[in-house]
């Protein structure tokens, strides 16, 4: 994992340049395929932690009572509010805040929490603190849903060792399933279930190799994890 000194460094990595790159390269398929795995209903209040520009908004707003998105990046929150205006969702609220502070002000408020492609941007100590805060913001026995790259995936291994490919500078803590589950347990979550999914771009065709004996684990690109608060 990369050495990131403090929150200031993380904010610098996630400034306007990153927002522009994020918006230009994100495929809607990344989240489209996850929503069917999440039980949601019209009476729910949900929170998208590390919401970015609100990619989850069109998936959740038509089907829940209230959708909150929180991110420490002013640039991302500005982008999310522009998307909100364009899409016309009145039940969406975006907040630029430190997630720990936000959660302290919203204890046991949410029927579900989402952390989609967020955890790999945060070093272990900070991520553990955030997970603990998120657990307190989610109602007891309700779920957190997490989506993240898998450190065991052959492409991620290549990036880690700068072999042909280089890691995204913002991805400071790509973890495997075991590492993710360990941190969730330390944060107090239970009933943790992790499944491996194909990639959402052309690399999805490598997933067939995940069924191969011995080497199959190196072709599981993404992790989808649910955990009970």
Foldseek 3Di string as FASTA:
>chain_A
DDDDPDVVSLQVLCAPVVLVVCVVPDDLLLCVVPLVVDDAAADWEEEEEQCFLPSCCVVPLVGYPAYEYEHQHPNRLVNNVVVCVVVVRPRYYYYNDDLLVVLVVQFQPGQEYEHEQNLQQDDLVVVLSNLLSVQRNHHAFHKYKYKHWACLAQVNVCQVVVNVDHDSPSRNHHYHPVVVVVSNVVSPWDPKDKDFAADSPPLSVLQVCLPPPPSNSNSRTMMIMMTGD
